[in-house]
PDB file of N, CA and C in Angstrom:
ATOM      1  N   MET A   1       0.845  -1.159   0.001  1.00  0.00           N
ATOM      2  CA  MET A   1      -0.004   0.000  -0.001  1.00  0.00           C
ATOM      3  C   MET A   1       0.901   1.232  -0.004  1.00  0.00           C
ATOM      4  N   ILE A   2       0.486   2.223  -0.752  1.00  0.00           N
ATOM      5  CA  ILE A   2       1.161   3.506  -0.772  1.00  0.00           C
ATOM      6  C   ILE A   2       0.261   4.492  -0.035  1.00  0.00           C
ATOM      7  N   VAL A   3       0.827   5.206   0.951  1.00  0.00           N
ATOM      8  CA  VAL A   3       0.057   6.171   1.717  1.00  0.00           C
ATOM      9  C   VAL A   3       0.755   7.524   1.634  1.00  0.00           C
ATOM     10  N   ASP A   4       0.129   8.449   0.955  1.00  0.00           N
ATOM     11  CA  ASP A   4       0.695   9.807   0.829  1.00  0.00           C
ATOM     12  C   ASP A   4      -0.425  10.747   0.444  1.00  0.00           C
ATOM     13  N   ASP A   5      -0.416  11.943   0.994  1.00  0.00           N
ATOM     14  CA  ASP A   5      -1.464  12.915   0.714  1.00  0.00           C
ATOM     15  C   ASP A   5      -1.215  13.707  -0.558  1.00  0.00           C
ATOM     16  N   GLN A   6      -0.058  13.541  -1.173  1.00  0.00           N
ATOM     17  CA  GLN A   6       0.279  14.266  -2.388  1.00  0.00           C
ATOM     18  C   GLN A   6       0.188  13.322  -3.602  1.00  0.00           C
ATOM     19  N   PRO A   7      -0.788  13.524  -4.479  1.00  0.00           N
ATOM     20  CA  PRO A   7      -0.923  12.665  -5.656  1.00  0.00           C
ATOM     21  C   PRO A   7       0.350  12.605  -6.500  1.00  0.00           C
ATOM     22  N   PHE A   8       1.105  13.711  -6.546  1.00  0.00           N
ATOM     23  CA  PHE A   8       2.353  13.713  -7.305  1.00  0.00           C
ATOM     24  C   PHE A   8       3.315  12.655  -6.769  1.00  0.00           C
ATOM     25  N   ASN A   9       3.438  12.555  -5.445  1.00  0.00           N
ATOM     26  CA  ASN A   9       4.325  11.564  -4.836  1.00  0.00           C
ATOM     27  C   ASN A   9       3.880  10.145  -5.135  1.00  0.00           C
ATOM     28  N   VAL A  10       2.577   9.921  -5.075  1.00  0.00           N
ATOM     29  CA  VAL A  10       2.035   8.589  -5.371  1.00  0.00           C
ATOM     30  C   VAL A  10       2.338   8.233  -6.826  1.00  0.00           C
ATOM     31  N   ASP A  11       2.061   9.147  -7.734  1.00  0.00           N
ATOM     32  CA  ASP A  11       2.321   8.897  -9.146  1.00  0.00           C
ATOM     33  C   ASP A  11       3.814   8.692  -9.420  1.00  0.00           C
ATOM     34  N   SER A  12       4.656   9.462  -8.747  1.00  0.00           N
ATOM     35  CA  SER A  12       6.117   9.317  -8.931  1.00  0.00           C
ATOM     36  C   SER A  12       6.582   7.932  -8.499  1.00  0.00           C
ATOM     37  N   LEU A  13       6.088   7.463  -7.364  1.00  0.00           N
ATOM     38  CA  LEU A  13       6.479   6.144  -6.891  1.00  0.00           C
ATOM     39  C   LEU A  13       6.002   5.052  -7.850  1.00  0.00           C
ATOM     40  N   LYS A  14       4.807   5.207  -8.380  1.00  0.00           N
ATOM     41  CA  LYS A  14       4.295   4.239  -9.348  1.00  0.00           C
ATOM     42  C   LYS A  14       5.201   4.183 -10.580  1.00  0.00           C
ATOM     43  N   ILE A  15       5.636   5.342 -11.063  1.00  0.00           N
ATOM     44  CA  ILE A  15       6.506   5.397 -12.233  1.00  0.00           C
ATOM     45  C   ILE A  15       7.862   4.757 -11.938  1.00  0.00           C
ATOM     46  N   ILE A  16       8.427   5.074 -10.776  1.00  0.00           N
ATOM     47  CA  ILE A  16       9.715   4.483 -10.401  1.00  0.00           C
ATOM     48  C   ILE A  16       9.612   2.969 -10.318  1.00  0.00           C
ATOM     49  N   MET A  17       8.554   2.459  -9.700  1.00  0.00           N
ATOM     50  CA  MET A  17       8.384   1.005  -9.578  1.00  0.00           C
ATOM     51  C   MET A  17       8.243   0.348 -10.950  1.00  0.00           C
ATOM     52  N   LYS A  18       7.561   1.022 -11.859  1.00  0.00           N
ATOM     53  CA  LYS A  18       7.357   0.475 -13.205  1.00  0.00           C
ATOM     54  C   LYS A  18       8.674   0.466 -13.986  1.00  0.00           C
ATOM     55  N   ILE A  19       9.402   1.566 -13.966  1.00  0.00           N
ATOM     56  CA  ILE A  19      10.631   1.678 -14.752  1.00  0.00           C
ATOM     57  C   ILE A  19      11.759   0.830 -14.167  1.00  0.00           C
ATOM     58  N   LYS A  20      11.990   0.957 -12.870  1.00  0.00           N
ATOM     59  CA  LYS A  20      13.138   0.294 -12.249  1.00  0.00           C
ATOM     60  C   LYS A  20      12.909  -1.201 -12.012  1.00  0.00           C
ATOM     61  N   TYR A  21      11.703  -1.583 -11.590  1.00  0.00           N
ATOM     62  CA  TYR A  21      11.462  -2.981 -11.203  1.00  0.00           C
ATOM     63  C   TYR A  21      10.453  -3.695 -12.096  1.00  0.00           C
ATOM     64  N   ASN A  22       9.930  -3.006 -13.111  1.00  0.00           N
ATOM     65  CA  ASN A  22       8.944  -3.572 -14.017  1.00  0.00           C
ATOM     66  C   ASN A  22       7.723  -4.104 -13.263  1.00  0.00           C
ATOM     67  N   ILE A  23       7.293  -3.343 -12.260  1.00  0.00           N
ATOM     68  CA  ILE A  23       6.134  -3.708 -11.450  1.00  0.00           C
ATOM     69  C   ILE A  23       4.996  -2.752 -11.782  1.00  0.00           C
ATOM     70  N   ASN A  24       3.858  -3.306 -12.166  1.00  0.00           N
ATOM     71  CA  ASN A  24       2.682  -2.495 -12.432  1.00  0.00           C
ATOM     72  C   ASN A  24       1.946  -2.306 -11.107  1.00  0.00           C
ATOM     73  N   VAL A  25       2.197  -1.211 -10.458  1.00  0.00           N
ATOM     74  CA  VAL A  25       1.659  -0.936  -9.134  1.00  0.00           C
ATOM     75  C   VAL A  25       0.138  -0.871  -9.156  1.00  0.00           C
ATOM     76  N   GLU A  26      -0.431  -0.442 -10.254  1.00  0.00           N
ATOM     77  CA  GLU A  26      -1.883  -0.329 -10.365  1.00  0.00           C
ATOM     78  C   GLU A  26      -2.577  -1.670 -10.100  1.00  0.00           C
ATOM     79  N   GLU A  27      -1.936  -2.761 -10.502  1.00  0.00           N
ATOM     80  CA  GLU A  27      -2.548  -4.081 -10.373  1.00  0.00           C
ATOM     81  C   GLU A  27      -2.374  -4.690  -8.980  1.00  0.00           C
ATOM     82  N   ILE A  28      -1.310  -4.337  -8.272  1.00  0.00           N
ATOM     83  CA  ILE A  28      -0.996  -5.041  -7.029  1.00  0.00           C
ATOM     84  C   ILE A  28      -0.988  -4.167  -5.791  1.00  0.00           C
ATOM     85  N   CYS A  29      -1.282  -2.889  -5.929  1.00  0.00           N
ATOM     86  CA  CYS A  29      -1.075  -1.985  -4.809  1.00  0.00           C
ATOM     87  C   CYS A  29      -2.298  -1.096  -4.570  1.00  0.00           C
ATOM     88  N   ASP A  30      -2.673  -0.949  -3.295  1.00  0.00           N
ATOM     89  CA  ASP A  30      -3.716  -0.010  -2.924  1.00  0.00           C
ATOM     90  C   ASP A  30      -3.076   1.337  -2.602  1.00  0.00           C
ATOM     91  N   VAL A  31      -3.879   2.388  -2.689  1.00  0.00           N
ATOM     92  CA  VAL A  31      -3.399   3.738  -2.375  1.00  0.00           C
ATOM     93  C   VAL A  31      -4.351   4.357  -1.362  1.00  0.00           C
ATOM     94  N   ALA A  32      -3.770   4.993  -0.352  1.00  0.00           N
ATOM     95  CA  ALA A  32      -4.538   5.773   0.616  1.00  0.00           C
ATOM     96  C   ALA A  32      -3.919   7.170   0.660  1.00  0.00           C
ATOM     97  N   TYR A  33      -4.752   8.167   0.874  1.00  0.00           N
ATOM     98  CA  TYR A  33      -4.269   9.540   0.830  1.00  0.00           C
ATOM     99  C   TYR A  33      -4.122  10.188   2.207  1.00  0.00           C
ATOM    100  N   ASN A  34      -4.303   9.406   3.259  1.00  0.00           N
ATOM    101  CA  ASN A  34      -3.972   9.841   4.614  1.00  0.00           C
ATOM    102  C   ASN A  34      -3.918   8.612   5.513  1.00  0.00           C
ATOM    103  N   GLY A  35      -3.403   8.805   6.708  1.00  0.00           N
ATOM    104  CA  GLY A  35      -3.222   7.676   7.619  1.00  0.00           C
ATOM    105  C   GLY A  35      -4.524   7.015   8.020  1.00  0.00           C
ATOM    106  N   LEU A  36      -5.583   7.806   8.132  1.00  0.00           N
ATOM    107  CA  LEU A  36      -6.879   7.249   8.506  1.00  0.00           C
ATOM    108  C   LEU A  36      -7.399   6.288   7.432  1.00  0.00           C
ATOM    109  N   GLU A  37      -7.286   6.680   6.176  1.00  0.00           N
ATOM    110  CA  GLU A  37      -7.689   5.780   5.076  1.00  0.00           C
ATOM    111  C   GLU A  37      -6.861   4.492   5.107  1.00  0.00           C
ATOM    112  N   ALA A  38      -5.580   4.620   5.365  1.00  0.00           N
ATOM    113  CA  ALA A  38      -4.702   3.448   5.400  1.00  0.00           C
ATOM    114  C   ALA A  38      -5.103   2.510   6.534  1.00  0.00           C
ATOM    115  N   LEU A  39      -5.331   3.074   7.707  1.00  0.00           N
ATOM    116  CA  LEU A  39      -5.719   2.269   8.860  1.00  0.00           C
ATOM    117  C   LEU A  39      -7.038   1.553   8.612  1.00  0.00           C
ATOM    118  N   GLU A  40      -7.996   2.254   8.028  1.00  0.00           N
ATOM    119  CA  GLU A  40      -9.288   1.652   7.714  1.00  0.00           C
ATOM    120  C   GLU A  40      -9.134   0.513   6.706  1.00  0.00           C
ATOM    121  N   ALA A  41      -8.262   0.686   5.712  1.00  0.00           N
ATOM    122  CA  ALA A  41      -8.041  -0.362   4.713  1.00  0.00           C
ATOM    123  C   ALA A  41      -7.407  -1.595   5.341  1.00  0.00           C
ATOM    124  N   VAL A  42      -6.439  -1.396   6.227  1.00  0.00           N
ATOM    125  CA  VAL A  42      -5.783  -2.526   6.893  1.00  0.00           C
ATOM    126  C   VAL A  42      -6.773  -3.239   7.812  1.00  0.00           C
ATOM    127  N   GLU A  43      -7.572  -2.491   8.556  1.00  0.00           N
ATOM    128  CA  GLU A  43      -8.571  -3.098   9.432  1.00  0.00           C
ATOM    129  C   GLU A  43      -9.591  -3.901   8.635  1.00  0.00           C
ATOM    130  N   LYS A  44     -10.043  -3.359   7.525  1.00  0.00           N
ATOM    131  CA  LYS A  44     -11.013  -4.067   6.671  1.00  0.00           C
ATOM    132  C   LYS A  44     -10.404  -5.360   6.134  1.00  0.00           C
ATOM    133  N   ASP A  45      -9.166  -5.289   5.673  1.00  0.00           N
ATOM    134  CA  ASP A  45      -8.489  -6.466   5.150  1.00  0.00           C
ATOM    135  C   ASP A  45      -8.305  -7.514   6.252  1.00  0.00           C
ATOM    136  N   PHE A  46      -7.944  -7.071   7.452  1.00  0.00           N
ATOM    137  CA  PHE A  46      -7.758  -7.992   8.574  1.00  0.00           C
ATOM    138  C   PHE A  46      -9.061  -8.712   8.909  1.00  0.00           C
ATOM    139  N   LYS A  47     -10.183  -7.970   8.914  1.00  0.00           N
ATOM    140  CA  LYS A  47     -11.486  -8.580   9.214  1.00  0.00           C
ATOM    141  C   LYS A  47     -11.866  -9.615   8.167  1.00  0.00           C
ATOM    142  N   ILE A  48     -11.599  -9.311   6.900  1.00  0.00           N
ATOM    143  CA  ILE A  48     -11.898 -10.266   5.830  1.00  0.00           C
ATOM    144  C   ILE A  48     -11.088 -11.545   6.026  1.00  0.00           C
ATOM    145  N   ASN A  49      -9.809 -11.401   6.344  1.00  0.00           N
ATOM    146  CA  ASN A  49      -8.965 -12.570   6.575  1.00  0.00           C
ATOM    147  C   ASN A  49      -9.363 -13.313   7.841  1.00  0.00           C
ATOM    148  N   LYS A  50      -9.796 -12.588   8.864  1.00  0.00           N
ATOM    149  CA  LYS A  50     -10.227 -13.209  10.123  1.00  0.00           C
ATOM    150  C   LYS A  50     -11.405 -14.149   9.878  1.00  0.00           C
ATOM    151  N   GLU A  51     -12.318 -13.735   8.987  1.00  0.00           N
ATOM    152  CA  GLU A  51     -13.465 -14.583   8.649  1.00  0.00           C
ATOM    153  C   GLU A  51     -13.030 -15.887   7.994  1.00  0.00           C
ATOM    154  N   LYS A  52     -11.844 -15.869   7.405  1.00  0.00           N
ATOM    155  CA  LYS A  52     -11.290 -17.071   6.766  1.00  0.00           C
ATOM    156  C   LYS A  52     -10.310 -17.793   7.692  1.00  0.00           C
ATOM    157  N   ASN A  53     -10.400 -17.487   9.005  1.00  0.00           N
ATOM    158  CA  ASN A  53      -9.531 -18.081  10.034  1.00  0.00           C
ATOM    159  C   ASN A  53      -8.058 -17.773   9.817  1.00  0.00           C
ATOM    160  N   ARG A  54      -7.780 -16.592   9.330  1.00  0.00           N
ATOM    161  CA  ARG A  54      -6.401 -16.128   9.183  1.00  0.00           C
ATOM    162  C   ARG A  54      -6.224 -14.904  10.072  1.00  0.00           C
ATOM    163  N   ASN A  55      -5.246 -14.917  10.937  1.00  0.00           N
ATOM    164  CA  ASN A  55      -5.019 -13.814  11.867  1.00  0.00           C
ATOM    165  C   ASN A  55      -3.919 -12.873  11.366  1.00  0.00           C
ATOM    166  N   TYR A  56      -4.086 -12.381  10.169  1.00  0.00           N
ATOM    167  CA  TYR A  56      -3.114 -11.450   9.608  1.00  0.00           C
ATOM    168  C   TYR A  56      -3.777 -10.628   8.512  1.00  0.00           C
ATOM    169  N   THR A  57      -3.060  -9.621   8.076  1.00  0.00           N
ATOM    170  CA  THR A  57      -3.524  -8.809   6.955  1.00  0.00           C
ATOM    171  C   THR A  57      -2.765  -9.225   5.692  1.00  0.00           C
ATOM    172  N   SER A  58      -3.330  -8.966   4.552  1.00  0.00           N
ATOM    173  CA  SER A  58      -2.701  -9.342   3.281  1.00  0.00           C
ATOM    174  C   SER A  58      -1.582  -8.386   2.884  1.00  0.00           C
ATOM    175  N   TYR A  59      -1.511  -7.233   3.522  1.00  0.00           N
ATOM    176  CA  TYR A  59      -0.492  -6.251   3.166  1.00  0.00           C
ATOM    177  C   TYR A  59       0.878  -6.717   3.639  1.00  0.00           C
ATOM    178  N   LYS A  60       1.815  -6.763   2.728  1.00  0.00           N
ATOM    179  CA  LYS A  60       3.188  -7.165   3.047  1.00  0.00           C
ATOM    180  C   LYS A  60       4.093  -5.972   3.282  1.00  0.00           C
ATOM    181  N   LEU A  61       3.755  -4.839   2.672  1.00  0.00           N
ATOM    182  CA  LEU A  61       4.565  -3.630   2.772  1.00  0.00           C
ATOM    183  C   LEU A  61       3.650  -2.415   2.667  1.00  0.00           C
ATOM    184  N   ILE A  62       3.862  -1.457   3.559  1.00  0.00           N
ATOM    185  CA  ILE A  62       3.117  -0.204   3.508  1.00  0.00           C
ATOM    186  C   ILE A  62       4.134   0.932   3.493  1.00  0.00           C
ATOM    187  N   LEU A  63       4.147   1.695   2.415  1.00  0.00           N
ATOM    188  CA  LEU A  63       5.015   2.862   2.311  1.00  0.00           C
ATOM    189  C   LEU A  63       4.212   4.067   2.778  1.00  0.00           C
ATOM    190  N   MET A  64       4.590   4.627   3.912  1.00  0.00           N
ATOM    191  CA  MET A  64       3.774   5.639   4.578  1.00  0.00           C
ATOM    192  C   MET A  64       4.498   6.972   4.686  1.00  0.00           C
ATOM    193  N   ASP A  65       3.814   8.016   4.247  1.00  0.00           N
ATOM    194  CA  ASP A  65       4.289   9.381   4.459  1.00  0.00           C
ATOM    195  C   ASP A  65       4.107   9.720   5.936  1.00  0.00           C
ATOM    196  N   ILE A  66       4.865  10.651   6.437  1.00  0.00           N
ATOM    197  CA  ILE A  66       4.777  11.014   7.841  1.00  0.00           C
ATOM    198  C   ILE A  66       3.797  12.171   8.077  1.00  0.00           C
ATOM    199  N   GLN A  67       3.902  13.220   7.280  1.00  0.00           N
ATOM    200  CA  GLN A  67       3.057  14.398   7.483  1.00  0.00           C
ATOM    201  C   GLN A  67       1.869  14.378   6.526  1.00  0.00           C
ATOM    202  N   MET A  68       0.708  14.050   7.104  1.00  0.00           N
ATOM    203  CA  MET A  68      -0.518  13.988   6.311  1.00  0.00           C
ATOM    204  C   MET A  68      -1.667  14.537   7.134  1.00  0.00           C
ATOM    205  N   PRO A  69      -2.744  14.954   6.486  1.00  0.00           N
ATOM    206  CA  PRO A  69      -3.922  15.444   7.219  1.00  0.00           C
ATOM    207  C   PRO A  69      -4.694  14.279   7.847  1.00  0.00           C
ATOM    208  N   PHE A  70      -5.576  14.604   8.760  1.00  0.00           N
ATOM    209  CA  PHE A  70      -6.476  13.677   9.459  1.00  0.00           C
ATOM    210  C   PHE A  70      -5.729  12.754  10.420  1.00  0.00           C
ATOM    211  N   MET A  71      -4.759  12.002   9.940  1.00  0.00           N
ATOM    212  CA  MET A  71      -3.936  11.128  10.782  1.00  0.00           C
ATOM    213  C   MET A  71      -2.574  11.002  10.123  1.00  0.00           C
ATOM    214  N   ASP A  72      -1.536  11.392  10.857  1.00  0.00           N
ATOM    215  CA  ASP A  72      -0.211  11.333  10.246  1.00  0.00           C
ATOM    216  C   ASP A  72       0.344   9.905  10.256  1.00  0.00           C
ATOM    217  N   GLY A  73       1.479   9.720   9.597  1.00  0.00           N
ATOM    218  CA  GLY A  73       2.054   8.404   9.464  1.00  0.00           C
ATOM    219  C   GLY A  73       2.462   7.783  10.785  1.00  0.00           C
ATOM    220  N   TYR A  74       2.947   8.592  11.715  1.00  0.00           N
ATOM    221  CA  TYR A  74       3.329   8.070  13.035  1.00  0.00           C
ATOM    222  C   TYR A  74       2.118   7.489  13.753  1.00  0.00           C
ATOM    223  N   GLU A  75       1.037   8.255  13.783  1.00  0.00           N
ATOM    224  CA  GLU A  75      -0.157   7.815  14.489  1.00  0.00           C
ATOM    225  C   GLU A  75      -0.769   6.586  13.825  1.00  0.00           C
ATOM    226  N   ALA A  76      -0.793   6.562  12.511  1.00  0.00           N
ATOM    227  CA  ALA A  76      -1.373   5.419  11.791  1.00  0.00           C
ATOM    228  C   ALA A  76      -0.556   4.154  12.036  1.00  0.00           C
ATOM    229  N   THR A  77       0.763   4.319  12.079  1.00  0.00           N
ATOM    230  CA  THR A  77       1.626   3.166  12.297  1.00  0.00           C
ATOM    231  C   THR A  77       1.465   2.657  13.716  1.00  0.00           C
TER     232      THR A  77
END
């Protein structure tokens, strides 16, 4: 998951991942624009997995900005 309040930063990271690692981020990555959205996405994913008797979230890596509105990266983490 990519978490950043600046669309330019999100788009830049997508381009870097595509060019450098040949990874199409659009297909495999969720985007949140503040810490609250990210936390809600992780909680939702955890609940879905919990229903399948899995005690974990599907997210393997979360790239989180620190300074964001509503909930910053420190608080979300």
